[in-house]
All heavy atoms as atom14 arrays in JSON, in Angstrom:
{
  "sequence": "RVILIIIGLLLVIFGSVYLGYYLYAQYAASQNEEFASSVAQTTAAVNE",
  "atom14_mask": [
    [1, 1, 1, 1, 1, 1, 1, 1, 1, 1, 1, 0, 0, 0],
    [1, 1, 1, 1, 1, 1, 1, 0, 0, 0, 0, 0, 0, 0],
    [1, 1, 1, 1, 1, 1, 1, 1, 0, 0, 0, 0, 0, 0],
    [1, 1, 1, 1, 1, 1, 1, 1, 0, 0, 0, 0, 0, 0],
    [1, 1, 1, 1, 1, 1, 1, 1, 0, 0, 0, 0, 0, 0],
    [1, 1, 1, 1, 1, 1, 1, 1, 0, 0, 0, 0, 0, 0],
    [1, 1, 1, 1, 1, 1, 1, 1, 0, 0, 0, 0, 0, 0],
    [1, 1, 1, 1, 0, 0, 0, 0, 0, 0, 0, 0, 0, 0],
    [1, 1, 1, 1, 1, 1, 1, 1, 0, 0, 0, 0, 0, 0],
    [1, 1, 1, 1, 1, 1, 1, 1, 0, 0, 0, 0, 0, 0],
    [1, 1, 1, 1, 1, 1, 1, 1, 0, 0, 0, 0, 0, 0],
    [1, 1, 1, 1, 1, 1, 1, 0, 0, 0, 0, 0, 0, 0],
    [1, 1, 1, 1, 1, 1, 1, 1, 0, 0, 0, 0, 0, 0],
    [1, 1, 1, 1, 1, 1, 1, 1, 1, 1, 1, 0, 0, 0],
    [1, 1, 1, 1, 0, 0, 0, 0, 0, 0, 0, 0, 0, 0],
    [1, 1, 1, 1, 1, 1, 0, 0, 0, 0, 0, 0, 0, 0],
    [1, 1, 1, 1, 1, 1, 1, 0, 0, 0, 0, 0, 0, 0],
    [1, 1, 1, 1, 1, 1, 1, 1, 1, 1, 1, 1, 0, 0],
    [1, 1, 1, 1, 1, 1, 1, 1, 0, 0, 0, 0, 0, 0],
    [1, 1, 1, 1, 0, 0, 0, 0, 0, 0, 0, 0, 0, 0],
    [1, 1, 1, 1, 1, 1, 1, 1, 1, 1, 1, 1, 0, 0],
    [1, 1, 1, 1, 1, 1, 1, 1, 1, 1, 1, 1, 0, 0],
    [1, 1, 1, 1, 1, 1, 1, 1, 0, 0, 0, 0, 0, 0],
    [1, 1, 1, 1, 1, 1, 1, 1, 1, 1, 1, 1, 0, 0],
    [1, 1, 1, 1, 1, 0, 0, 0, 0, 0, 0, 0, 0, 0],
    [1, 1, 1, 1, 1, 1, 1, 1, 1, 0, 0, 0, 0, 0],
    [1, 1, 1, 1, 1, 1, 1, 1, 1, 1, 1, 1, 0, 0],
    [1, 1, 1, 1, 1, 0, 0, 0, 0, 0, 0, 0, 0, 0],
    [1, 1, 1, 1, 1, 0, 0, 0, 0, 0, 0, 0, 0, 0],
    [1, 1, 1, 1, 1, 1, 0, 0, 0, 0, 0, 0, 0, 0],
    [1, 1, 1, 1, 1, 1, 1, 1, 1, 0, 0, 0, 0, 0],
    [1, 1, 1, 1, 1, 1, 1, 1, 0, 0, 0, 0, 0, 0],
    [1, 1, 1, 1, 1, 1, 1, 1, 1, 0, 0, 0, 0, 0],
    [1, 1, 1, 1, 1, 1, 1, 1, 1, 0, 0, 0, 0, 0],
    [1, 1, 1, 1, 1, 1, 1, 1, 1, 1, 1, 0, 0, 0],
    [1, 1, 1, 1, 1, 0, 0, 0, 0, 0, 0, 0, 0, 0],
    [1, 1, 1, 1, 1, 1, 0, 0, 0, 0, 0, 0, 0, 0],
    [1, 1, 1, 1, 1, 1, 0, 0, 0, 0, 0, 0, 0, 0],
    [1, 1, 1, 1, 1, 1, 1, 0, 0, 0, 0, 0, 0, 0],
    [1, 1, 1, 1, 1, 0, 0, 0, 0, 0, 0, 0, 0, 0],
    [1, 1, 1, 1, 1, 1, 1, 1, 1, 0, 0, 0, 0, 0],
    [1, 1, 1, 1, 1, 1, 1, 0, 0, 0, 0, 0, 0, 0],
    [1, 1, 1, 1, 1, 1, 1, 0, 0, 0, 0, 0, 0, 0],
    [1, 1, 1, 1, 1, 0, 0, 0, 0, 0, 0, 0, 0, 0],
    [1, 1, 1, 1, 1, 0, 0, 0, 0, 0, 0, 0, 0, 0],
    [1, 1, 1, 1, 1, 1, 1, 0, 0, 0, 0, 0, 0, 0],
    [1, 1, 1, 1, 1, 1, 1, 1, 0, 0, 0, 0, 0, 0],
    [1, 1, 1, 1, 1, 1, 1, 1, 1, 0, 0, 0, 0, 0]
  ],
  "atom14_positions": [
    [[-17.39, 19.31, -24.23], [-15.99, 18.86, -24.14], [-15.43, 19.21, -22.78], [-14.61, 18.44, -22.36], [-15.2, 19.5, -25.31], [-15.54, 18.93, -26.71], [-14.56, 19.18, -27.72], [-14.43, 20.58, -27.99], [-15.25, 21.23, -28.94], [-16.0, 20.53, -29.7], [-15.14, 22.51, -29.23], [0.0, 0.0, 0.0], [0.0, 0.0, 0.0], [0.0, 0.0, 0.0]],
    [[-15.6, 20.4, -22.24], [-15.13, 20.81, -20.97], [-15.57, 19.84, -19.91], [-14.81, 19.44, -19.06], [-15.55, 22.27, -20.67], [-15.09, 22.58, -19.24], [-14.87, 23.18, -21.67], [0.0, 0.0, 0.0], [0.0, 0.0, 0.0], [0.0, 0.0, 0.0], [0.0, 0.0, 0.0], [0.0, 0.0, 0.0], [0.0, 0.0, 0.0], [0.0, 0.0, 0.0]],
    [[-16.82, 19.43, -20.03], [-17.42, 18.59, -18.95], [-16.64, 17.23, -18.99], [-16.3, 16.62, -18.01], [-18.88, 18.5, -19.19], [-19.62, 19.81, -18.79], [-19.45, 17.35, -18.36], [-21.07, 19.89, -19.14], [0.0, 0.0, 0.0], [0.0, 0.0, 0.0], [0.0, 0.0, 0.0], [0.0, 0.0, 0.0], [0.0, 0.0, 0.0], [0.0, 0.0, 0.0]],
    [[-16.49, 16.9, -20.3], [-15.83, 15.45, -20.56], [-14.42, 15.52, -20.06], [-13.91, 14.61, -19.39], [-15.85, 15.05, -21.98], [-17.2, 14.69, -22.55], [-17.22, 14.43, -24.06], [-17.71, 13.47, -21.9], [0.0, 0.0, 0.0], [0.0, 0.0, 0.0], [0.0, 0.0, 0.0], [0.0, 0.0, 0.0], [0.0, 0.0, 0.0], [0.0, 0.0, 0.0]],
    [[-13.8, 16.74, -20.35], [-12.35, 16.87, -19.72], [-12.35, 16.8, -18.29], [-11.42, 16.11, -17.74], [-11.7, 18.17, -20.34], [-11.51, 17.98, -21.94], [-10.34, 18.4, -19.64], [-11.15, 19.36, -22.54], [0.0, 0.0, 0.0], [0.0, 0.0, 0.0], [0.0, 0.0, 0.0], [0.0, 0.0, 0.0], [0.0, 0.0, 0.0], [0.0, 0.0, 0.0]],
    [[-13.25, 17.51, -17.66], [-13.3, 17.58, -16.2], [-13.54, 16.14, -15.55], [-12.86, 15.73, -14.69], [-14.36, 18.57, -15.69], [-13.98, 20.02, -16.02], [-14.65, 18.41, -14.23], [-15.08, 21.05, -15.73], [0.0, 0.0, 0.0], [0.0, 0.0, 0.0], [0.0, 0.0, 0.0], [0.0, 0.0, 0.0], [0.0, 0.0, 0.0], [0.0, 0.0, 0.0]],
    [[-14.48, 15.49, -16.24], [-14.88, 14.11, -15.78], [-13.58, 13.31, -15.89], [-13.21, 12.4, -15.15], [-15.97, 13.5, -16.57], [-17.29, 14.25, -16.22], [-16.12, 12.01, -16.3], [-18.57, 13.97, -17.05], [0.0, 0.0, 0.0], [0.0, 0.0, 0.0], [0.0, 0.0, 0.0], [0.0, 0.0, 0.0], [0.0, 0.0, 0.0], [0.0, 0.0, 0.0]],
    [[-12.9, 13.4, -17.06], [-11.67, 12.58, -17.38], [-10.62, 12.87, -16.29], [-10.05, 11.93, -15.78], [0.0, 0.0, 0.0], [0.0, 0.0, 0.0], [0.0, 0.0, 0.0], [0.0, 0.0, 0.0], [0.0, 0.0, 0.0], [0.0, 0.0, 0.0], [0.0, 0.0, 0.0], [0.0, 0.0, 0.0], [0.0, 0.0, 0.0], [0.0, 0.0, 0.0]],
    [[-10.45, 14.21, -16.0], [-9.45, 14.58, -14.93], [-9.78, 14.0, -13.57], [-8.95, 13.5, -12.94], [-9.32, 16.07, -14.92], [-8.66, 16.78, -16.06], [-8.73, 18.34, -15.97], [-7.14, 16.24, -16.27], [0.0, 0.0, 0.0], [0.0, 0.0, 0.0], [0.0, 0.0, 0.0], [0.0, 0.0, 0.0], [0.0, 0.0, 0.0], [0.0, 0.0, 0.0]],
    [[-11.11, 13.98, -13.34], [-11.44, 13.45, -11.98], [-11.24, 12.06, -11.93], [-10.81, 11.54, -10.84], [-12.98, 13.82, -11.77], [-13.28, 15.35, -11.49], [-14.84, 15.48, -11.5], [-12.73, 15.71, -10.2], [0.0, 0.0, 0.0], [0.0, 0.0, 0.0], [0.0, 0.0, 0.0], [0.0, 0.0, 0.0], [0.0, 0.0, 0.0], [0.0, 0.0, 0.0]],
    [[-11.56, 11.33, -13.06], [-11.31, 9.85, -13.06], [-9.79, 9.56, -12.88], [-9.46, 8.64, -12.29], [-11.89, 9.28, -14.4], [-13.38, 9.28, -14.56], [-13.74, 8.86, -15.89], [-13.96, 8.18, -13.57], [0.0, 0.0, 0.0], [0.0, 0.0, 0.0], [0.0, 0.0, 0.0], [0.0, 0.0, 0.0], [0.0, 0.0, 0.0], [0.0, 0.0, 0.0]],
    [[-8.99, 10.37, -13.7], [-7.53, 10.1, -13.54], [-7.13, 10.44, -12.03], [-6.38, 9.64, -11.48], [-6.76, 11.1, -14.43], [-5.33, 11.09, -14.09], [-7.0, 10.73, -15.85], [0.0, 0.0, 0.0], [0.0, 0.0, 0.0], [0.0, 0.0, 0.0], [0.0, 0.0, 0.0], [0.0, 0.0, 0.0], [0.0, 0.0, 0.0], [0.0, 0.0, 0.0]],
    [[-7.56, 11.46, -11.4], [-7.27, 11.8, -10.01], [-7.63, 10.68, -9.07], [-6.93, 10.28, -8.25], [-7.84, 13.19, -9.51], [-7.15, 14.27, -10.35], [-7.69, 13.42, -8.06], [-7.87, 15.63, -10.19], [0.0, 0.0, 0.0], [0.0, 0.0, 0.0], [0.0, 0.0, 0.0], [0.0, 0.0, 0.0], [0.0, 0.0, 0.0], [0.0, 0.0, 0.0]],
    [[-8.98, 10.29, -9.17], [-9.56, 9.24, -8.33], [-8.72, 7.89, -8.59], [-8.47, 7.16, -7.63], [-10.98, 9.14, -8.5], [-11.79, 10.18, -7.87], [-12.65, 10.96, -8.55], [-11.79, 10.41, -6.45], [-13.43, 11.97, -7.97], [-12.52, 11.42, -5.86], [-13.34, 12.12, -6.56], [0.0, 0.0, 0.0], [0.0, 0.0, 0.0], [0.0, 0.0, 0.0]],
    [[-8.43, 7.67, -9.84], [-7.72, 6.46, -10.11], [-6.32, 6.48, -9.58], [-5.8, 5.45, -9.0], [0.0, 0.0, 0.0], [0.0, 0.0, 0.0], [0.0, 0.0, 0.0], [0.0, 0.0, 0.0], [0.0, 0.0, 0.0], [0.0, 0.0, 0.0], [0.0, 0.0, 0.0], [0.0, 0.0, 0.0], [0.0, 0.0, 0.0], [0.0, 0.0, 0.0]],
    [[-5.77, 7.67, -9.63], [-4.35, 7.72, -9.07], [-4.3, 7.57, -7.51], [-3.49, 6.87, -7.03], [-3.69, 9.09, -9.37], [-3.61, 9.19, -10.82], [0.0, 0.0, 0.0], [0.0, 0.0, 0.0], [0.0, 0.0, 0.0], [0.0, 0.0, 0.0], [0.0, 0.0, 0.0], [0.0, 0.0, 0.0], [0.0, 0.0, 0.0], [0.0, 0.0, 0.0]],
    [[-5.31, 8.26, -7.02], [-5.54, 8.12, -5.52], [-5.71, 6.69, -5.11], [-5.08, 6.19, -4.11], [-6.65, 8.93, -4.95], [-6.88, 8.65, -3.41], [-6.16, 10.5, -5.16], [0.0, 0.0, 0.0], [0.0, 0.0, 0.0], [0.0, 0.0, 0.0], [0.0, 0.0, 0.0], [0.0, 0.0, 0.0], [0.0, 0.0, 0.0], [0.0, 0.0, 0.0]],
    [[-6.64, 5.98, -5.75], [-6.95, 4.59, -5.43], [-5.7, 3.74, -5.69], [-5.29, 2.85, -4.87], [-8.11, 4.13, -6.32], [-8.41, 2.65, -6.19], [-9.18, 2.26, -5.01], [-7.97, 1.71, -6.98], [-9.42, 0.9, -4.75], [-8.16, 0.36, -6.81], [-9.02, 0.02, -5.67], [-9.18, -1.34, -5.41], [0.0, 0.0, 0.0], [0.0, 0.0, 0.0]],
    [[-4.94, 3.87, -6.83], [-3.85, 3.2, -7.07], [-2.82, 3.32, -5.96], [-2.11, 2.42, -5.62], [-3.25, 3.51, -8.49], [-1.98, 2.76, -8.9], [-2.24, 1.26, -8.92], [-1.5, 3.2, -10.24], [0.0, 0.0, 0.0], [0.0, 0.0, 0.0], [0.0, 0.0, 0.0], [0.0, 0.0, 0.0], [0.0, 0.0, 0.0], [0.0, 0.0, 0.0]],
    [[-2.57, 4.65, -5.68], [-1.59, 4.92, -4.62], [-1.89, 4.33, -3.17], [-1.06, 3.76, -2.52], [0.0, 0.0, 0.0], [0.0, 0.0, 0.0], [0.0, 0.0, 0.0], [0.0, 0.0, 0.0], [0.0, 0.0, 0.0], [0.0, 0.0, 0.0], [0.0, 0.0, 0.0], [0.0, 0.0, 0.0], [0.0, 0.0, 0.0], [0.0, 0.0, 0.0]],
    [[-3.23, 4.37, -2.91], [-3.6, 3.78, -1.65], [-3.48, 2.23, -1.75], [-2.99, 1.66, -0.76], [-5.16, 4.15, -1.42], [-5.65, 3.41, -0.19], [-5.47, 3.86, 1.11], [-6.44, 2.2, -0.44], [-5.84, 3.2, 2.22], [-6.96, 1.62, 0.74], [-6.62, 1.94, 2.01], [-7.14, 1.39, 3.13], [0.0, 0.0, 0.0], [0.0, 0.0, 0.0]],
    [[-3.68, 1.65, -2.87], [-3.51, 0.14, -3.01], [-2.1, -0.21, -2.84], [-1.8, -1.16, -2.1], [-4.18, -0.25, -4.37], [-3.94, -1.65, -4.73], [-4.83, -2.75, -4.08], [-2.82, -2.06, -5.54], [-4.55, -4.05, -4.4], [-2.67, -3.35, -5.75], [-3.44, -4.44, -5.08], [-3.31, -5.74, -5.4], [0.0, 0.0, 0.0], [0.0, 0.0, 0.0]],
    [[-1.26, 0.62, -3.47], [0.12, 0.22, -3.51], [0.66, 0.44, -2.03], [1.54, -0.41, -1.59], [0.92, 1.11, -4.43], [0.59, 0.82, -5.94], [1.38, 1.89, -6.85], [1.1, -0.67, -6.4], [0.0, 0.0, 0.0], [0.0, 0.0, 0.0], [0.0, 0.0, 0.0], [0.0, 0.0, 0.0], [0.0, 0.0, 0.0], [0.0, 0.0, 0.0]],
    [[0.23, 1.51, -1.46], [0.69, 1.81, -0.06], [0.11, 0.65, 0.84], [0.95, 0.22, 1.73], [0.05, 3.06, 0.44], [0.52, 3.3, 1.88], [1.73, 3.68, 2.24], [-0.56, 3.1, 2.9], [1.97, 3.95, 3.62], [-0.26, 3.32, 4.29], [1.06, 3.7, 4.67], [1.29, 3.88, 5.95], [0.0, 0.0, 0.0], [0.0, 0.0, 0.0]],
    [[-1.06, 0.18, 0.69], [-1.56, -0.91, 1.57], [-0.83, -2.19, 1.38], [-0.51, -2.9, 2.32], [-3.08, -1.13, 1.16], [0.0, 0.0, 0.0], [0.0, 0.0, 0.0], [0.0, 0.0, 0.0], [0.0, 0.0, 0.0], [0.0, 0.0, 0.0], [0.0, 0.0, 0.0], [0.0, 0.0, 0.0], [0.0, 0.0, 0.0], [0.0, 0.0, 0.0]],
    [[-0.46, -2.47, 0.15], [0.45, -3.63, -0.24], [1.7, -3.55, 0.46], [2.22, -4.45, 1.06], [0.51, -3.83, -1.71], [-0.75, -4.2, -2.45], [-1.2, -5.57, -1.97], [-0.56, -6.55, -1.88], [-2.55, -5.66, -1.56], [0.0, 0.0, 0.0], [0.0, 0.0, 0.0], [0.0, 0.0, 0.0], [0.0, 0.0, 0.0], [0.0, 0.0, 0.0]],
    [[2.28, -2.3, 0.42], [3.65, -2.16, 0.99], [3.56, -2.26, 2.51], [4.48, -2.81, 3.12], [4.12, -0.72, 0.59], [5.41, -0.27, 1.34], [6.57, -0.76, 0.95], [5.37, 0.59, 2.3], [7.9, -0.46, 1.56], [6.57, 0.97, 3.07], [7.7, 0.53, 2.75], [8.86, 0.79, 3.33], [0.0, 0.0, 0.0], [0.0, 0.0, 0.0]],
    [[2.56, -1.61, 3.02], [2.43, -1.7, 4.55], [2.24, -3.16, 5.02], [2.77, -3.58, 6.05], [1.24, -0.8, 4.98], [0.0, 0.0, 0.0], [0.0, 0.0, 0.0], [0.0, 0.0, 0.0], [0.0, 0.0, 0.0], [0.0, 0.0, 0.0], [0.0, 0.0, 0.0], [0.0, 0.0, 0.0], [0.0, 0.0, 0.0], [0.0, 0.0, 0.0]],
    [[1.43, -3.89, 4.26], [1.17, -5.21, 4.68], [2.51, -6.06, 4.5], [2.74, -6.89, 5.41], [0.14, -5.84, 3.7], [0.0, 0.0, 0.0], [0.0, 0.0, 0.0], [0.0, 0.0, 0.0], [0.0, 0.0, 0.0], [0.0, 0.0, 0.0], [0.0, 0.0, 0.0], [0.0, 0.0, 0.0], [0.0, 0.0, 0.0], [0.0, 0.0, 0.0]],
    [[3.32, -5.83, 3.58], [4.56, -6.54, 3.39], [5.42, -6.14, 4.41], [6.17, -6.94, 4.92], [5.19, -6.32, 2.06], [5.57, -4.89, 1.88], [0.0, 0.0, 0.0], [0.0, 0.0, 0.0], [0.0, 0.0, 0.0], [0.0, 0.0, 0.0], [0.0, 0.0, 0.0], [0.0, 0.0, 0.0], [0.0, 0.0, 0.0], [0.0, 0.0, 0.0]],
    [[5.54, -4.85, 4.92], [6.35, -4.39, 6.04], [6.01, -5.02, 7.25], [6.78, -5.5, 7.99], [6.3, -2.94, 6.07], [6.98, -2.18, 5.02], [8.5, -2.41, 4.84], [9.07, -3.21, 4.04], [9.3, -1.92, 5.78], [0.0, 0.0, 0.0], [0.0, 0.0, 0.0], [0.0, 0.0, 0.0], [0.0, 0.0, 0.0], [0.0, 0.0, 0.0]],
    [[4.62, -5.19, 7.5], [4.15, -5.73, 8.7], [4.53, -7.16, 8.83], [4.89, -7.69, 9.82], [2.65, -5.62, 8.83], [2.18, -4.13, 9.19], [2.97, -3.34, 9.76], [0.96, -3.78, 8.76], [0.0, 0.0, 0.0], [0.0, 0.0, 0.0], [0.0, 0.0, 0.0], [0.0, 0.0, 0.0], [0.0, 0.0, 0.0], [0.0, 0.0, 0.0]],
    [[4.4, -7.94, 7.59], [4.8, -9.36, 7.59], [6.28, -9.46, 7.84], [6.72, -10.32, 8.61], [4.5, -9.87, 6.22], [3.01, -10.04, 5.89], [2.69, -10.59, 4.58], [3.75, -10.88, 3.85], [1.6, -10.84, 4.27], [0.0, 0.0, 0.0], [0.0, 0.0, 0.0], [0.0, 0.0, 0.0], [0.0, 0.0, 0.0], [0.0, 0.0, 0.0]],
    [[7.22, -8.57, 7.26], [8.55, -8.61, 7.5], [8.9, -8.43, 8.98], [9.79, -9.05, 9.48], [9.28, -7.62, 6.65], [9.31, -8.03, 5.19], [9.98, -6.97, 4.34], [10.68, -6.05, 4.9], [10.04, -7.05, 3.04], [0.0, 0.0, 0.0], [0.0, 0.0, 0.0], [0.0, 0.0, 0.0], [0.0, 0.0, 0.0], [0.0, 0.0, 0.0]],
    [[8.12, -7.46, 9.56], [8.46, -7.13, 10.95], [8.01, -8.37, 11.89], [8.81, -8.53, 12.78], [7.67, -5.76, 11.37], [7.75, -5.47, 12.79], [8.92, -4.92, 13.31], [6.79, -5.7, 13.77], [9.05, -4.61, 14.61], [6.83, -5.39, 14.97], [8.05, -4.77, 15.52], [0.0, 0.0, 0.0], [0.0, 0.0, 0.0], [0.0, 0.0, 0.0]],
    [[6.84, -8.84, 11.57], [6.42, -9.97, 12.31], [7.28, -11.13, 12.26], [7.68, -11.83, 13.19], [4.95, -10.29, 11.9], [0.0, 0.0, 0.0], [0.0, 0.0, 0.0], [0.0, 0.0, 0.0], [0.0, 0.0, 0.0], [0.0, 0.0, 0.0], [0.0, 0.0, 0.0], [0.0, 0.0, 0.0], [0.0, 0.0, 0.0], [0.0, 0.0, 0.0]],
    [[7.78, -11.38, 11.03], [8.8, -12.41, 10.78], [10.13, -12.12, 11.48], [10.72, -12.98, 12.06], [8.98, -12.6, 9.27], [9.94, -13.48, 9.08], [0.0, 0.0, 0.0], [0.0, 0.0, 0.0], [0.0, 0.0, 0.0], [0.0, 0.0, 0.0], [0.0, 0.0, 0.0], [0.0, 0.0, 0.0], [0.0, 0.0, 0.0], [0.0, 0.0, 0.0]],
    [[10.45, -10.86, 11.44], [11.76, -10.48, 12.19], [11.64, -10.66, 13.59], [12.53, -11.15, 14.32], [12.05, -9.09, 11.86], [13.23, -8.6, 12.61], [0.0, 0.0, 0.0], [0.0, 0.0, 0.0], [0.0, 0.0, 0.0], [0.0, 0.0, 0.0], [0.0, 0.0, 0.0], [0.0, 0.0, 0.0], [0.0, 0.0, 0.0], [0.0, 0.0, 0.0]],
    [[10.41, -10.29, 14.24], [10.21, -10.5, 15.6], [10.34, -11.94, 16.05], [10.85, -12.34, 17.11], [8.92, -9.82, 16.08], [8.58, -10.21, 17.55], [9.02, -8.3, 15.88], [0.0, 0.0, 0.0], [0.0, 0.0, 0.0], [0.0, 0.0, 0.0], [0.0, 0.0, 0.0], [0.0, 0.0, 0.0], [0.0, 0.0, 0.0], [0.0, 0.0, 0.0]],
    [[9.63, -12.67, 15.16], [9.52, -14.24, 15.41], [11.01, -14.79, 15.38], [11.24, -15.7, 16.21], [8.61, -14.81, 14.42], [0.0, 0.0, 0.0], [0.0, 0.0, 0.0], [0.0, 0.0, 0.0], [0.0, 0.0, 0.0], [0.0, 0.0, 0.0], [0.0, 0.0, 0.0], [0.0, 0.0, 0.0], [0.0, 0.0, 0.0], [0.0, 0.0, 0.0]],
    [[11.65, -14.37, 14.37], [12.97, -14.89, 14.27], [13.89, -14.42, 15.42], [14.72, -15.2, 15.93], [13.53, -14.46, 12.95], [13.05, -15.16, 11.75], [13.54, -14.46, 10.34], [14.53, -13.71, 10.42], [12.98, -15.0, 9.3], [0.0, 0.0, 0.0], [0.0, 0.0, 0.0], [0.0, 0.0, 0.0], [0.0, 0.0, 0.0], [0.0, 0.0, 0.0]],
    [[13.77, -13.24, 15.82], [14.51, -12.69, 17.01], [14.2, -13.42, 18.16], [15.03, -13.82, 19.04], [14.31, -11.29, 17.22], [14.74, -10.53, 15.99], [15.16, -10.69, 18.31], [0.0, 0.0, 0.0], [0.0, 0.0, 0.0], [0.0, 0.0, 0.0], [0.0, 0.0, 0.0], [0.0, 0.0, 0.0], [0.0, 0.0, 0.0], [0.0, 0.0, 0.0]],
    [[12.9, -13.57, 18.43], [12.43, -14.38, 19.59], [12.88, -15.8, 19.64], [13.45, -16.25, 20.64], [10.89, -14.4, 19.61], [10.42, -13.01, 19.75], [10.43, -15.09, 20.92], [0.0, 0.0, 0.0], [0.0, 0.0, 0.0], [0.0, 0.0, 0.0], [0.0, 0.0, 0.0], [0.0, 0.0, 0.0], [0.0, 0.0, 0.0], [0.0, 0.0, 0.0]],
    [[12.77, -16.4, 18.5], [13.44, -17.82, 18.39], [14.76, -17.88, 18.58], [15.32, -18.71, 19.26], [13.06, -18.34, 16.98], [0.0, 0.0, 0.0], [0.0, 0.0, 0.0], [0.0, 0.0, 0.0], [0.0, 0.0, 0.0], [0.0, 0.0, 0.0], [0.0, 0.0, 0.0], [0.0, 0.0, 0.0], [0.0, 0.0, 0.0], [0.0, 0.0, 0.0]],
    [[15.5, -16.92, 18.12], [17.01, -16.85, 18.3], [17.42, -16.64, 19.73], [18.26, -17.32, 20.3], [17.61, -15.78, 17.46], [0.0, 0.0, 0.0], [0.0, 0.0, 0.0], [0.0, 0.0, 0.0], [0.0, 0.0, 0.0], [0.0, 0.0, 0.0], [0.0, 0.0, 0.0], [0.0, 0.0, 0.0], [0.0, 0.0, 0.0], [0.0, 0.0, 0.0]],
    [[16.63, -15.79, 20.41], [16.75, -15.56, 21.86], [16.64, -16.92, 22.65], [17.3, -17.28, 23.61], [16.02, -14.37, 22.4], [16.0, -14.36, 23.94], [16.42, -13.2, 21.86], [0.0, 0.0, 0.0], [0.0, 0.0, 0.0], [0.0, 0.0, 0.0], [0.0, 0.0, 0.0], [0.0, 0.0, 0.0], [0.0, 0.0, 0.0], [0.0, 0.0, 0.0]],
    [[15.48, -17.5, 22.28], [15.06, -18.74, 23.0], [16.1, -19.79, 22.67], [16.42, -20.54, 23.62], [13.69, -19.27, 22.58], [12.61, -18.22, 23.05], [12.74, -17.61, 24.17], [11.45, -18.28, 22.36], [0.0, 0.0, 0.0], [0.0, 0.0, 0.0], [0.0, 0.0, 0.0], [0.0, 0.0, 0.0], [0.0, 0.0, 0.0], [0.0, 0.0, 0.0]],
    [[16.53, -19.86, 21.49], [17.56, -20.91, 21.17], [18.9, -20.68, 21.78], [19.62, -21.6, 22.06], [17.75, -20.86, 19.61], [16.56, -21.54, 18.81], [16.69, -21.45, 17.39], [17.8, -20.99, 16.94], [15.83, -21.82, 16.59], [0.0, 0.0, 0.0], [0.0, 0.0, 0.0], [0.0, 0.0, 0.0], [0.0, 0.0, 0.0], [0.0, 0.0, 0.0]]
  ]
}
C-alpha cells in the first residue's frame, strides 16, 4: 500500500507539473501572439 501511495503521489506530482507547464506554455503563446499583434498594429498605426 505504501508503494502504491508513493506511486500515486508521484503521478499526482508529475501530472501537476505537466499540467502547469502546459498551461504556462499556452499562456506564453497567447501573450506572444498578443504582443506580436500589438506590435503589428502599432507599426501599422505609425505608418498610417
